[in-house]
Every structure is written in C-alpha cells, then in structure tokens.
Amino acid sequence: QPYVDSMHHFLAAYDDKVQEEKNIECIPGHYFIQGGNDSEEKKAC
C-alpha cells in the first residue's frame, strides 16, 4: 500500500483535468520550440 499511495501522490499533477486546465495539446513527433525573450512564460504540453 505505501507504494500505491506514493504513486497516486506523484501522479496527482498528471490528472487529466489538471493537465487540460494548465497545459495545451501539442503535435506529437516534433520538438516544441518556443521563441521570444528568455523571460517570457512558456507553454507546456
């Protein structure tokens, strides 16, 4: 059970709803290269 609890805790940030709210859908098979200034916030897949 401790292993199972650890897995659920770690994957909480990967919940489908969390990812849909915070991140964007990207095109598979290609690097997601983002331009702009170094200080600009980048999008995540």
PDB file of all heavy atoms in Angstrom:
ATOM      1  N   GLN A   1       0.808  -1.223   0.000  1.00  0.00           N
ATOM      2  CA  GLN A   1       0.000   0.000   0.000  1.00  0.00           C
ATOM      3  C   GLN A   1       0.847   1.282   0.000  1.00  0.00           C
ATOM      4  O   GLN A   1       0.493   2.253  -0.683  1.00  0.00           O
ATOM      5  CB  GLN A   1      -0.946   0.013   1.200  1.00  0.00           C
ATOM      6  CG  GLN A   1      -2.004   1.113   1.135  1.00  0.00           C
ATOM      7  CD  GLN A   1      -2.930   0.964  -0.059  1.00  0.00           C
ATOM      8  OE1 GLN A   1      -3.447  -0.125  -0.325  1.00  0.00           O
ATOM      9  NE2 GLN A   1      -3.115   2.049  -0.814  1.00  0.00           N
ATOM     10  N   PRO A   2       1.988   1.342   0.727  1.00  0.00           N
ATOM     11  CA  PRO A   2       2.806   2.562   0.648  1.00  0.00           C
ATOM     12  C   PRO A   2       3.285   2.887  -0.768  1.00  0.00           C
ATOM     13  O   PRO A   2       3.349   4.069  -1.147  1.00  0.00           O
ATOM     14  CB  PRO A   2       3.990   2.240   1.572  1.00  0.00           C
ATOM     15  CG  PRO A   2       3.438   1.262   2.554  1.00  0.00           C
ATOM     16  CD  PRO A   2       2.488   0.409   1.754  1.00  0.00           C
ATOM     17  N   TYR A   3       3.582   1.869  -1.550  1.00  0.00           N
ATOM     18  CA  TYR A   3       3.984   2.117  -2.940  1.00  0.00           C
ATOM     19  C   TYR A   3       2.819   2.686  -3.742  1.00  0.00           C
ATOM     20  O   TYR A   3       2.981   3.611  -4.543  1.00  0.00           O
ATOM     21  CB  TYR A   3       4.475   0.820  -3.596  1.00  0.00           C
ATOM     22  CG  TYR A   3       5.705   0.226  -2.958  1.00  0.00           C
ATOM     23  CD1 TYR A   3       5.657  -1.003  -2.311  1.00  0.00           C
ATOM     24  CD2 TYR A   3       6.929   0.885  -3.023  1.00  0.00           C
ATOM     25  CE1 TYR A   3       6.792  -1.560  -1.741  1.00  0.00           C
ATOM     26  CE2 TYR A   3       8.074   0.335  -2.455  1.00  0.00           C
ATOM     27  CZ  TYR A   3       7.990  -0.882  -1.808  1.00  0.00           C
ATOM     28  OH  TYR A   3       9.107  -1.429  -1.233  1.00  0.00           O
ATOM     29  N   VAL A   4       1.641   2.139  -3.517  1.00  0.00           N
ATOM     30  CA  VAL A   4       0.450   2.603  -4.221  1.00  0.00           C
ATOM     31  C   VAL A   4       0.135   4.050  -3.848  1.00  0.00           C
ATOM     32  O   VAL A   4      -0.152   4.884  -4.721  1.00  0.00           O
ATOM     33  CB  VAL A   4      -0.748   1.681  -3.891  1.00  0.00           C
ATOM     34  CG1 VAL A   4      -2.038   2.275  -4.439  1.00  0.00           C
ATOM     35  CG2 VAL A   4      -0.521   0.290  -4.466  1.00  0.00           C
ATOM     36  N   ASP A   5       0.203   4.368  -2.571  1.00  0.00           N
ATOM     37  CA  ASP A   5      -0.057   5.740  -2.121  1.00  0.00           C
ATOM     38  C   ASP A   5       0.947   6.714  -2.726  1.00  0.00           C
ATOM     39  O   ASP A   5       0.583   7.830  -3.143  1.00  0.00           O
ATOM     40  CB  ASP A   5       0.005   5.820  -0.595  1.00  0.00           C
ATOM     41  CG  ASP A   5      -1.123   5.053   0.079  1.00  0.00           C
ATOM     42  OD1 ASP A   5      -2.134   4.769  -0.596  1.00  0.00           O
ATOM     43  OD2 ASP A   5      -0.987   4.733   1.277  1.00  0.00           O
ATOM     44  N   SER A   6       2.204   6.298  -2.793  1.00  0.00           N
ATOM     45  CA  SER A   6       3.239   7.152  -3.379  1.00  0.00           C
ATOM     46  C   SER A   6       2.971   7.418  -4.856  1.00  0.00           C
ATOM     47  O   SER A   6       3.152   8.543  -5.345  1.00  0.00           O
ATOM     48  CB  SER A   6       4.607   6.491  -3.211  1.00  0.00           C
ATOM     49  OG  SER A   6       5.618   7.233  -3.856  1.00  0.00           O
ATOM     50  N   MET A   7       2.505   6.405  -5.568  1.00  0.00           N
ATOM     51  CA  MET A   7       2.191   6.559  -6.990  1.00  0.00           C
ATOM     52  C   MET A   7       1.044   7.532  -7.202  1.00  0.00           C
ATOM     53  O   MET A   7       1.093   8.409  -8.073  1.00  0.00           O
ATOM     54  CB  MET A   7       1.865   5.200  -7.594  1.00  0.00           C
ATOM     55  CG  MET A   7       3.046   4.245  -7.658  1.00  0.00           C
ATOM     56  SD  MET A   7       4.119   4.541  -9.078  1.00  0.00           S
ATOM     57  CE  MET A   7       3.227   3.647 -10.351  1.00  0.00           C
ATOM     58  N   HIS A   8      -0.012   7.395  -6.411  1.00  0.00           N
ATOM     59  CA  HIS A   8      -1.156   8.303  -6.551  1.00  0.00           C
ATOM     60  C   HIS A   8      -0.744   9.743  -6.241  1.00  0.00           C
ATOM     61  O   HIS A   8      -1.169  10.683  -6.931  1.00  0.00           O
ATOM     62  CB  HIS A   8      -2.291   7.872  -5.627  1.00  0.00           C
ATOM     63  CG  HIS A   8      -3.133   6.752  -6.176  1.00  0.00           C
ATOM     64  ND1 HIS A   8      -3.916   6.901  -7.310  1.00  0.00           N
ATOM     65  CD2 HIS A   8      -3.311   5.471  -5.758  1.00  0.00           C
ATOM     66  CE1 HIS A   8      -4.540   5.762  -7.566  1.00  0.00           C
ATOM     67  NE2 HIS A   8      -4.192   4.881  -6.639  1.00  0.00           N
ATOM     68  N   HIS A   9       0.073   9.925  -5.206  1.00  0.00           N
ATOM     69  CA  HIS A   9       0.529  11.265  -4.843  1.00  0.00           C
ATOM     70  C   HIS A   9       1.355  11.880  -5.973  1.00  0.00           C
ATOM     71  O   HIS A   9       1.150  13.049  -6.345  1.00  0.00           O
ATOM     72  CB  HIS A   9       1.350  11.197  -3.555  1.00  0.00           C
ATOM     73  CG  HIS A   9       1.923  12.520  -3.136  1.00  0.00           C
ATOM     74  ND1 HIS A   9       1.141  13.509  -2.565  1.00  0.00           N
ATOM     75  CD2 HIS A   9       3.189  13.028  -3.218  1.00  0.00           C
ATOM     76  CE1 HIS A   9       1.900  14.566  -2.308  1.00  0.00           C
ATOM     77  NE2 HIS A   9       3.143  14.297  -2.706  1.00  0.00           N
ATOM     78  N   PHE A  10       2.257  11.094  -6.542  1.00  0.00           N
ATOM     79  CA  PHE A  10       3.112  11.601  -7.608  1.00  0.00           C
ATOM     80  C   PHE A  10       2.312  11.953  -8.858  1.00  0.00           C
ATOM     81  O   PHE A  10       2.591  12.961  -9.525  1.00  0.00           O
ATOM     82  CB  PHE A  10       4.168  10.552  -7.948  1.00  0.00           C
ATOM     83  CG  PHE A  10       5.052  10.928  -9.112  1.00  0.00           C
ATOM     84  CD1 PHE A  10       6.015  11.909  -8.986  1.00  0.00           C
ATOM     85  CD2 PHE A  10       4.906  10.296 -10.341  1.00  0.00           C
ATOM     86  CE1 PHE A  10       6.818  12.264 -10.058  1.00  0.00           C
ATOM     87  CE2 PHE A  10       5.706  10.639 -11.412  1.00  0.00           C
ATOM     88  CZ  PHE A  10       6.667  11.628 -11.276  1.00  0.00           C
ATOM     89  N   LEU A  11       1.301  11.144  -9.187  1.00  0.00           N
ATOM     90  CA  LEU A  11       0.545  11.340 -10.426  1.00  0.00           C
ATOM     91  C   LEU A  11      -0.582  12.359 -10.307  1.00  0.00           C
ATOM     92  O   LEU A  11      -1.271  12.629 -11.293  1.00  0.00           O
ATOM     93  CB  LEU A  11      -0.028   9.998 -10.904  1.00  0.00           C
ATOM     94  CG  LEU A  11       0.990   9.018 -11.500  1.00  0.00           C
ATOM     95  CD1 LEU A  11       0.331   7.678 -11.798  1.00  0.00           C
ATOM     96  CD2 LEU A  11       1.620   9.591 -12.765  1.00  0.00           C
ATOM     97  N   ALA A  12      -0.766  12.932  -9.119  1.00  0.00           N
ATOM     98  CA  ALA A  12      -1.842  13.919  -8.950  1.00  0.00           C
ATOM     99  C   ALA A  12      -1.674  15.082  -9.927  1.00  0.00           C
ATOM    100  O   ALA A  12      -2.656  15.601 -10.483  1.00  0.00           O
ATOM    101  CB  ALA A  12      -1.862  14.423  -7.502  1.00  0.00           C
ATOM    102  N   ALA A  13      -0.441  15.506 -10.175  1.00  0.00           N
ATOM    103  CA  ALA A  13      -0.187  16.613 -11.100  1.00  0.00           C
ATOM    104  C   ALA A  13      -0.446  16.217 -12.543  1.00  0.00           C
ATOM    105  O   ALA A  13      -0.517  17.084 -13.426  1.00  0.00           O
ATOM    106  CB  ALA A  13       1.254  17.099 -10.953  1.00  0.00           C
ATOM    107  N   TYR A  14      -0.589  14.917 -12.802  1.00  0.00           N
ATOM    108  CA  TYR A  14      -0.821  14.418 -14.154  1.00  0.00           C
ATOM    109  C   TYR A  14      -2.289  14.082 -14.411  1.00  0.00           C
ATOM    110  O   TYR A  14      -2.626  13.590 -15.492  1.00  0.00           O
ATOM    111  CB  TYR A  14       0.023  13.162 -14.407  1.00  0.00           C
ATOM    112  CG  TYR A  14       1.514  13.420 -14.469  1.00  0.00           C
ATOM    113  CD1 TYR A  14       2.283  13.460 -13.306  1.00  0.00           C
ATOM    114  CD2 TYR A  14       2.161  13.615 -15.681  1.00  0.00           C
ATOM    115  CE1 TYR A  14       3.648  13.683 -13.355  1.00  0.00           C
ATOM    116  CE2 TYR A  14       3.528  13.827 -15.749  1.00  0.00           C
ATOM    117  CZ  TYR A  14       4.264  13.873 -14.577  1.00  0.00           C
ATOM    118  OH  TYR A  14       5.617  14.095 -14.632  1.00  0.00           O
ATOM    119  N   ASP A  15      -3.155  14.330 -13.437  1.00  0.00           N
ATOM    120  CA  ASP A  15      -4.585  14.076 -13.637  1.00  0.00           C
ATOM    121  C   ASP A  15      -5.057  14.753 -14.919  1.00  0.00           C
ATOM    122  O   ASP A  15      -4.661  15.893 -15.210  1.00  0.00           O
ATOM    123  CB  ASP A  15      -5.397  14.588 -12.446  1.00  0.00           C
ATOM    124  CG  ASP A  15      -5.304  13.659 -11.245  1.00  0.00           C
ATOM    125  OD1 ASP A  15      -4.855  12.508 -11.414  1.00  0.00           O
ATOM    126  OD2 ASP A  15      -5.686  14.087 -10.138  1.00  0.00           O
ATOM    127  N   ASP A  16      -5.897  14.086 -15.657  1.00  0.00           N
ATOM    128  CA  ASP A  16      -6.330  14.612 -16.955  1.00  0.00           C
ATOM    129  C   ASP A  16      -6.920  16.017 -16.847  1.00  0.00           C
ATOM    130  O   ASP A  16      -6.602  16.897 -17.651  1.00  0.00           O
ATOM    131  CB  ASP A  16      -7.348  13.658 -17.587  1.00  0.00           C
ATOM    132  CG  ASP A  16      -6.698  12.366 -18.090  1.00  0.00           C
ATOM    133  OD1 ASP A  16      -5.585  12.039 -17.624  1.00  0.00           O
ATOM    134  OD2 ASP A  16      -7.295  11.704 -18.951  1.00  0.00           O
ATOM    135  N   LYS A  17      -7.762  16.249 -15.856  1.00  0.00           N
ATOM    136  CA  LYS A  17      -8.394  17.567 -15.703  1.00  0.00           C
ATOM    137  C   LYS A  17      -7.371  18.645 -15.390  1.00  0.00           C
ATOM    138  O   LYS A  17      -7.455  19.773 -15.879  1.00  0.00           O
ATOM    139  CB  LYS A  17      -9.466  17.502 -14.618  1.00  0.00           C
ATOM    140  CG  LYS A  17     -10.705  16.717 -15.018  1.00  0.00           C
ATOM    141  CD  LYS A  17     -11.778  16.784 -13.942  1.00  0.00           C
ATOM    142  CE  LYS A  17     -13.028  16.032 -14.374  1.00  0.00           C
ATOM    143  NZ  LYS A  17     -14.099  16.086 -13.324  1.00  0.00           N
ATOM    144  N   VAL A  18      -6.396  18.294 -14.550  1.00  0.00           N
ATOM    145  CA  VAL A  18      -5.341  19.260 -14.207  1.00  0.00           C
ATOM    146  C   VAL A  18      -4.545  19.638 -15.447  1.00  0.00           C
ATOM    147  O   VAL A  18      -4.270  20.818 -15.699  1.00  0.00           O
ATOM    148  CB  VAL A  18      -4.405  18.667 -13.129  1.00  0.00           C
ATOM    149  CG1 VAL A  18      -3.203  19.586 -12.897  1.00  0.00           C
ATOM    150  CG2 VAL A  18      -5.161  18.441 -11.829  1.00  0.00           C
ATOM    151  N   GLN A  19      -4.200  18.649 -16.251  1.00  0.00           N
ATOM    152  CA  GLN A  19      -3.427  18.913 -17.457  1.00  0.00           C
ATOM    153  C   GLN A  19      -4.228  19.717 -18.477  1.00  0.00           C
ATOM    154  O   GLN A  19      -3.688  20.612 -19.141  1.00  0.00           O
ATOM    155  CB  GLN A  19      -2.963  17.594 -18.075  1.00  0.00           C
ATOM    156  CG  GLN A  19      -1.857  16.896 -17.287  1.00  0.00           C
ATOM    157  CD  GLN A  19      -0.556  17.657 -17.309  1.00  0.00           C
ATOM    158  OE1 GLN A  19      -0.061  18.033 -18.375  1.00  0.00           O
ATOM    159  NE2 GLN A  19       0.015  17.906 -16.139  1.00  0.00           N
ATOM    160  N   GLU A  20      -5.500  19.427 -18.605  1.00  0.00           N
ATOM    161  CA  GLU A  20      -6.346  20.160 -19.554  1.00  0.00           C
ATOM    162  C   GLU A  20      -6.500  21.620 -19.158  1.00  0.00           C
ATOM    163  O   GLU A  20      -6.600  22.502 -20.020  1.00  0.00           O
ATOM    164  CB  GLU A  20      -7.717  19.490 -19.653  1.00  0.00           C
ATOM    165  CG  GLU A  20      -7.677  18.146 -20.371  1.00  0.00           C
ATOM    166  CD  GLU A  20      -8.983  17.371 -20.238  1.00  0.00           C
ATOM    167  OE1 GLU A  20      -9.904  17.889 -19.567  1.00  0.00           O
ATOM    168  OE2 GLU A  20      -9.080  16.253 -20.781  1.00  0.00           O
ATOM    169  N   GLU A  21      -6.514  21.890 -17.863  1.00  0.00           N
ATOM    170  CA  GLU A  21      -6.668  23.265 -17.380  1.00  0.00           C
ATOM    171  C   GLU A  21      -5.381  24.071 -17.521  1.00  0.00           C
ATOM    172  O   GLU A  21      -5.421  25.264 -17.839  1.00  0.00           O
ATOM    173  CB  GLU A  21      -7.104  23.258 -15.913  1.00  0.00           C
ATOM    174  CG  GLU A  21      -8.527  22.767 -15.690  1.00  0.00           C
ATOM    175  CD  GLU A  21      -8.861  22.641 -14.217  1.00  0.00           C
ATOM    176  OE1 GLU A  21      -7.978  22.930 -13.375  1.00  0.00           O
ATOM    177  OE2 GLU A  21     -10.012  22.258 -13.902  1.00  0.00           O
ATOM    178  N   LYS A  22      -4.225  23.420 -17.300  1.00  0.00           N
ATOM    179  CA  LYS A  22      -2.964  24.156 -17.233  1.00  0.00           C
ATOM    180  C   LYS A  22      -2.178  24.157 -18.539  1.00  0.00           C
ATOM    181  O   LYS A  22      -1.477  25.132 -18.840  1.00  0.00           O
ATOM    182  CB  LYS A  22      -2.083  23.578 -16.114  1.00  0.00           C
ATOM    183  CG  LYS A  22      -2.600  23.847 -14.711  1.00  0.00           C
ATOM    184  CD  LYS A  22      -1.588  23.358 -13.680  1.00  0.00           C
ATOM    185  CE  LYS A  22      -2.023  23.712 -12.265  1.00  0.00           C
ATOM    186  NZ  LYS A  22      -1.020  23.280 -11.263  1.00  0.00           N
ATOM    187  N   ASN A  23      -2.276  23.064 -19.293  1.00  0.00           N
ATOM    188  CA  ASN A  23      -1.378  22.889 -20.433  1.00  0.00           C
ATOM    189  C   ASN A  23      -2.137  22.726 -21.750  1.00  0.00           C
ATOM    190  O   ASN A  23      -3.365  22.606 -21.761  1.00  0.00           O
ATOM    191  CB  ASN A  23      -0.443  21.702 -20.188  1.00  0.00           C
ATOM    192  CG  ASN A  23       0.468  21.941 -18.993  1.00  0.00           C
ATOM    193  OD1 ASN A  23       0.802  23.081 -18.684  1.00  0.00           O
ATOM    194  ND2 ASN A  23       0.855  20.875 -18.314  1.00  0.00           N
ATOM    195  N   ILE A  24      -1.409  22.715 -22.836  1.00  0.00           N
ATOM    196  CA  ILE A  24      -2.026  22.702 -24.161  1.00  0.00           C
ATOM    197  C   ILE A  24      -1.756  21.374 -24.863  1.00  0.00           C
ATOM    198  O   ILE A  24      -0.835  20.629 -24.510  1.00  0.00           O
ATOM    199  CB  ILE A  24      -1.493  23.856 -25.032  1.00  0.00           C
ATOM    200  CG1 ILE A  24       0.015  23.670 -25.313  1.00  0.00           C
ATOM    201  CG2 ILE A  24      -1.752  25.197 -24.371  1.00  0.00           C
ATOM    202  CD1 ILE A  24       0.573  24.637 -26.336  1.00  0.00           C
ATOM    203  N   GLU A  25      -2.573  21.073 -25.865  1.00  0.00           N
ATOM    204  CA  GLU A  25      -2.331  19.909 -26.710  1.00  0.00           C
ATOM    205  C   GLU A  25      -1.275  20.272 -27.750  1.00  0.00           C
ATOM    206  O   GLU A  25      -1.349  21.317 -28.383  1.00  0.00           O
ATOM    207  CB  GLU A  25      -3.617  19.474 -27.402  1.00  0.00           C
ATOM    208  CG  GLU A  25      -4.667  18.908 -26.456  1.00  0.00           C
ATOM    209  CD  GLU A  25      -5.853  18.334 -27.206  1.00  0.00           C
ATOM    210  OE1 GLU A  25      -5.729  18.135 -28.431  1.00  0.00           O
ATOM    211  OE2 GLU A  25      -6.890  18.095 -26.564  1.00  0.00           O
ATOM    212  N   CYS A  26      -0.302  19.401 -27.914  1.00  0.00           N
ATOM    213  CA  CYS A  26       0.796  19.668 -28.840  1.00  0.00           C
ATOM    214  C   CYS A  26       0.815  18.637 -29.958  1.00  0.00           C
ATOM    215  O   CYS A  26       0.101  17.629 -29.910  1.00  0.00           O
ATOM    216  CB  CYS A  26       2.127  19.646 -28.089  1.00  0.00           C
ATOM    217  SG  CYS A  26       2.268  20.916 -26.810  1.00  0.00           S
ATOM    218  N   ILE A  27       1.638  18.896 -30.947  1.00  0.00           N
ATOM    219  CA  ILE A  27       1.757  17.998 -32.095  1.00  0.00           C
ATOM    220  C   ILE A  27       2.821  16.947 -31.791  1.00  0.00           C
ATOM    221  O   ILE A  27       3.997  17.285 -31.613  1.00  0.00           O
ATOM    222  CB  ILE A  27       2.137  18.776 -33.361  1.00  0.00           C
ATOM    223  CG1 ILE A  27       1.091  19.849 -33.646  1.00  0.00           C
ATOM    224  CG2 ILE A  27       2.279  17.833 -34.544  1.00  0.00           C
ATOM    225  CD1 ILE A  27       1.464  20.770 -34.796  1.00  0.00           C
ATOM    226  N   PRO A  28       2.441  15.680 -31.709  1.00  0.00           N
ATOM    227  CA  PRO A  28       3.427  14.626 -31.399  1.00  0.00           C
ATOM    228  C   PRO A  28       4.483  14.515 -32.484  1.00  0.00           C
ATOM    229  O   PRO A  28       4.257  14.835 -33.652  1.00  0.00           O
ATOM    230  CB  PRO A  28       2.567  13.355 -31.341  1.00  0.00           C
ATOM    231  CG  PRO A  28       1.168  13.830 -31.120  1.00  0.00           C
ATOM    232  CD  PRO A  28       1.077  15.142 -31.829  1.00  0.00           C
ATOM    233  N   GLY A  29       5.664  14.061 -32.080  1.00  0.00           N
ATOM    234  CA  GLY A  29       6.727  13.775 -33.039  1.00  0.00           C
ATOM    235  C   GLY A  29       7.583  14.951 -33.424  1.00  0.00           C
ATOM    236  O   GLY A  29       8.465  14.816 -34.287  1.00  0.00           O
ATOM    237  N   HIS A  30       7.344  16.116 -32.800  1.00  0.00           N
ATOM    238  CA  HIS A  30       8.125  17.308 -33.139  1.00  0.00           C
ATOM    239  C   HIS A  30       8.518  18.045 -31.857  1.00  0.00           C
ATOM    240  O   HIS A  30       7.717  18.157 -30.928  1.00  0.00           O
ATOM    241  CB  HIS A  30       7.323  18.260 -34.029  1.00  0.00           C
ATOM    242  CG  HIS A  30       6.881  17.648 -35.328  1.00  0.00           C
ATOM    243  ND1 HIS A  30       7.687  17.611 -36.442  1.00  0.00           N
ATOM    244  CD2 HIS A  30       5.712  17.046 -35.670  1.00  0.00           C
ATOM    245  CE1 HIS A  30       7.026  17.018 -37.436  1.00  0.00           C
ATOM    246  NE2 HIS A  30       5.831  16.657 -36.990  1.00  0.00           N
ATOM    247  N   TYR A  31       9.754  18.543 -31.816  1.00  0.00           N
ATOM    248  CA  TYR A  31      10.148  19.373 -30.687  1.00  0.00           C
ATOM    249  C   TYR A  31       9.246  20.601 -30.611  1.00  0.00           C
ATOM    250  O   TYR A  31       8.868  21.168 -31.637  1.00  0.00           O
ATOM    251  CB  TYR A  31      11.595  19.832 -30.840  1.00  0.00           C
ATOM    252  CG  TYR A  31      12.625  18.730 -30.747  1.00  0.00           C
ATOM    253  CD1 TYR A  31      13.523  18.505 -31.794  1.00  0.00           C
ATOM    254  CD2 TYR A  31      12.732  17.929 -29.618  1.00  0.00           C
ATOM    255  CE1 TYR A  31      14.482  17.511 -31.730  1.00  0.00           C
ATOM    256  CE2 TYR A  31      13.689  16.924 -29.534  1.00  0.00           C
ATOM    257  CZ  TYR A  31      14.551  16.719 -30.591  1.00  0.00           C
ATOM    258  OH  TYR A  31      15.498  15.729 -30.525  1.00  0.00           O
ATOM    259  N   PHE A  32       8.912  21.007 -29.402  1.00  0.00           N
ATOM    260  CA  PHE A  32       8.072  22.190 -29.191  1.00  0.00           C
ATOM    261  C   PHE A  32       8.992  23.367 -28.867  1.00  0.00           C
ATOM    262  O   PHE A  32       9.240  23.689 -27.709  1.00  0.00           O
ATOM    263  CB  PHE A  32       7.082  21.934 -28.068  1.00  0.00           C
ATOM    264  CG  PHE A  32       6.079  23.049 -27.865  1.00  0.00           C
ATOM    265  CD1 PHE A  32       5.734  23.898 -28.901  1.00  0.00           C
ATOM    266  CD2 PHE A  32       5.485  23.239 -26.633  1.00  0.00           C
ATOM    267  CE1 PHE A  32       4.809  24.921 -28.720  1.00  0.00           C
ATOM    268  CE2 PHE A  32       4.553  24.255 -26.432  1.00  0.00           C
ATOM    269  CZ  PHE A  32       4.224  25.099 -27.478  1.00  0.00           C
ATOM    270  N   ILE A  33       9.512  23.973 -29.915  1.00  0.00           N
ATOM    271  CA  ILE A  33      10.465  25.069 -29.769  1.00  0.00           C
ATOM    272  C   ILE A  33       9.700  26.381 -29.702  1.00  0.00           C
ATOM    273  O   ILE A  33       8.886  26.693 -30.580  1.00  0.00           O
ATOM    274  CB  ILE A  33      11.473  25.074 -30.933  1.00  0.00           C
ATOM    275  CG1 ILE A  33      12.248  23.749 -30.952  1.00  0.00           C
ATOM    276  CG2 ILE A  33      12.426  26.249 -30.810  1.00  0.00           C
ATOM    277  CD1 ILE A  33      13.129  23.568 -32.164  1.00  0.00           C
ATOM    278  N   GLN A  34       9.960  27.156 -28.638  1.00  0.00           N
ATOM    279  CA  GLN A  34       9.244  28.405 -28.419  1.00  0.00           C
ATOM    280  C   GLN A  34      10.224  29.580 -28.432  1.00  0.00           C
ATOM    281  O   GLN A  34      11.253  29.548 -27.754  1.00  0.00           O
ATOM    282  CB  GLN A  34       8.507  28.367 -27.083  1.00  0.00           C
ATOM    283  CG  GLN A  34       7.539  27.182 -26.987  1.00  0.00           C
ATOM    284  CD  GLN A  34       6.839  27.097 -25.661  1.00  0.00           C
ATOM    285  OE1 GLN A  34       6.117  28.013 -25.262  1.00  0.00           O
ATOM    286  NE2 GLN A  34       7.036  25.986 -24.957  1.00  0.00           N
ATOM    287  N   GLY A  35       9.875  30.588 -29.223  1.00  0.00           N
ATOM    288  CA  GLY A  35      10.721  31.766 -29.337  1.00  0.00           C
ATOM    289  C   GLY A  35      10.411  32.794 -28.261  1.00  0.00           C
ATOM    290  O   GLY A  35       9.839  32.492 -27.219  1.00  0.00           O
ATOM    291  N   GLY A  36      10.774  34.037 -28.543  1.00  0.00           N
ATOM    292  CA  GLY A  36      10.525  35.118 -27.602  1.00  0.00           C
ATOM    293  C   GLY A  36      11.679  35.311 -26.636  1.00  0.00           C
ATOM    294  O   GLY A  36      12.703  34.622 -26.697  1.00  0.00           O
ATOM    295  N   ASN A  37      11.502  36.251 -25.732  1.00  0.00           N
ATOM    296  CA  ASN A  37      12.537  36.531 -24.744  1.00  0.00           C
ATOM    297  C   ASN A  37      12.658  35.404 -23.738  1.00  0.00           C
ATOM    298  O   ASN A  37      11.699  34.677 -23.473  1.00  0.00           O
ATOM    299  CB  ASN A  37      12.208  37.840 -24.000  1.00  0.00           C
ATOM    300  CG  ASN A  37      12.195  39.041 -24.931  1.00  0.00           C
ATOM    301  OD1 ASN A  37      12.965  39.088 -25.897  1.00  0.00           O
ATOM    302  ND2 ASN A  37      11.331  40.012 -24.652  1.00  0.00           N
ATOM    303  N   ASP A  38      13.839  35.301 -23.149  1.00  0.00           N
ATOM    304  CA  ASP A  38      14.060  34.252 -22.157  1.00  0.00           C
ATOM    305  C   ASP A  38      13.118  34.381 -20.969  1.00  0.00           C
ATOM    306  O   ASP A  38      12.810  33.392 -20.309  1.00  0.00           O
ATOM    307  CB  ASP A  38      15.505  34.294 -21.657  1.00  0.00           C
ATOM    308  CG  ASP A  38      16.492  33.826 -22.715  1.00  0.00           C
ATOM    309  OD1 ASP A  38      16.051  33.180 -23.688  1.00  0.00           O
ATOM    310  OD2 ASP A  38      17.694  34.109 -22.574  1.00  0.00           O
ATOM    311  N   SER A  39      12.679  35.595 -20.682  1.00  0.00           N
ATOM    312  CA  SER A  39      11.849  35.838 -19.504  1.00  0.00           C
ATOM    313  C   SER A  39      10.365  35.571 -19.750  1.00  0.00           C
ATOM    314  O   SER A  39       9.567  35.594 -18.806  1.00  0.00           O
ATOM    315  CB  SER A  39      12.026  37.274 -19.014  1.00  0.00           C
ATOM    316  OG  SER A  39      11.660  38.200 -20.036  1.00  0.00           O
ATOM    317  N   GLU A  40       9.972  35.348 -21.010  1.00  0.00           N
ATOM    318  CA  GLU A  40       8.567  35.112 -21.319  1.00  0.00           C
ATOM    319  C   GLU A  40       8.149  33.718 -20.864  1.00  0.00           C
ATOM    320  O   GLU A  40       8.880  32.752 -21.047  1.00  0.00           O
ATOM    321  CB  GLU A  40       8.314  35.250 -22.825  1.00  0.00           C
ATOM    322  CG  GLU A  40       8.447  36.668 -23.341  1.00  0.00           C
ATOM    323  CD  GLU A  40       8.147  36.760 -24.825  1.00  0.00           C
ATOM    324  OE1 GLU A  40       7.638  35.757 -25.390  1.00  0.00           O
ATOM    325  OE2 GLU A  40       8.429  37.814 -25.423  1.00  0.00           O
ATOM    326  N   GLU A  41       6.961  33.631 -20.270  1.00  0.00           N
ATOM    327  CA  GLU A  41       6.467  32.334 -19.807  1.00  0.00           C
ATOM    328  C   GLU A  41       6.196  31.418 -20.992  1.00  0.00           C
ATOM    329  O   GLU A  41       5.604  31.819 -21.995  1.00  0.00           O
ATOM    330  CB  GLU A  41       5.193  32.516 -18.985  1.00  0.00           C
ATOM    331  CG  GLU A  41       4.673  31.220 -18.386  1.00  0.00           C
ATOM    332  CD  GLU A  41       3.524  31.433 -17.413  1.00  0.00           C
ATOM    333  OE1 GLU A  41       3.563  32.420 -16.664  1.00  0.00           O
ATOM    334  OE2 GLU A  41       2.597  30.603 -17.415  1.00  0.00           O
ATOM    335  N   LYS A  42       6.638  30.180 -20.874  1.00  0.00           N
ATOM    336  CA  LYS A  42       6.496  29.212 -21.949  1.00  0.00           C
ATOM    337  C   LYS A  42       5.276  28.317 -21.709  1.00  0.00           C
ATOM    338  O   LYS A  42       4.886  28.058 -20.570  1.00  0.00           O
ATOM    339  CB  LYS A  42       7.751  28.339 -22.044  1.00  0.00           C
ATOM    340  CG  LYS A  42       9.052  29.128 -22.131  1.00  0.00           C
ATOM    341  CD  LYS A  42       9.107  30.053 -23.329  1.00  0.00           C
ATOM    342  CE  LYS A  42      10.450  30.774 -23.368  1.00  0.00           C
ATOM    343  NZ  LYS A  42      10.530  31.769 -24.483  1.00  0.00           N
ATOM    344  N   LYS A  43       4.716  27.848 -22.794  1.00  0.00           N
ATOM    345  CA  LYS A  43       3.595  26.916 -22.705  1.00  0.00           C
ATOM    346  C   LYS A  43       4.133  25.502 -22.516  1.00  0.00           C
ATOM    347  O   LYS A  43       5.242  25.182 -22.932  1.00  0.00           O
ATOM    348  CB  LYS A  43       2.735  26.999 -23.968  1.00  0.00           C
ATOM    349  CG  LYS A  43       2.095  28.363 -24.183  1.00  0.00           C
ATOM    350  CD  LYS A  43       1.293  28.399 -25.473  1.00  0.00           C
ATOM    351  CE  LYS A  43       0.669  29.768 -25.684  1.00  0.00           C
ATOM    352  NZ  LYS A  43      -0.091  29.833 -26.964  1.00  0.00           N
ATOM    353  N   ALA A  44       3.319  24.666 -21.897  1.00  0.00           N
ATOM    354  CA  ALA A  44       3.723  23.274 -21.662  1.00  0.00           C
ATOM    355  C   ALA A  44       2.714  22.330 -22.291  1.00  0.00           C
ATOM    356  O   ALA A  44       1.513  22.609 -22.328  1.00  0.00           O
ATOM    357  CB  ALA A  44       3.842  23.012 -20.158  1.00  0.00           C
ATOM    358  N   CYS A  45       3.203  21.201 -22.786  1.00  0.00           N
ATOM    359  CA  CYS A  45       2.344  20.212 -23.424  1.00  0.00           C
ATOM    360  C   CYS A  45       1.696  19.302 -22.376  1.00  0.00           C
ATOM    361  O   CYS A  45       2.292  18.985 -21.347  1.00  0.00           O
ATOM    362  CB  CYS A  45       3.160  19.350 -24.390  1.00  0.00           C
ATOM    363  SG  CYS A  45       3.911  20.271 -25.753  1.00  0.00           S
TER     364      CYS A  45
END
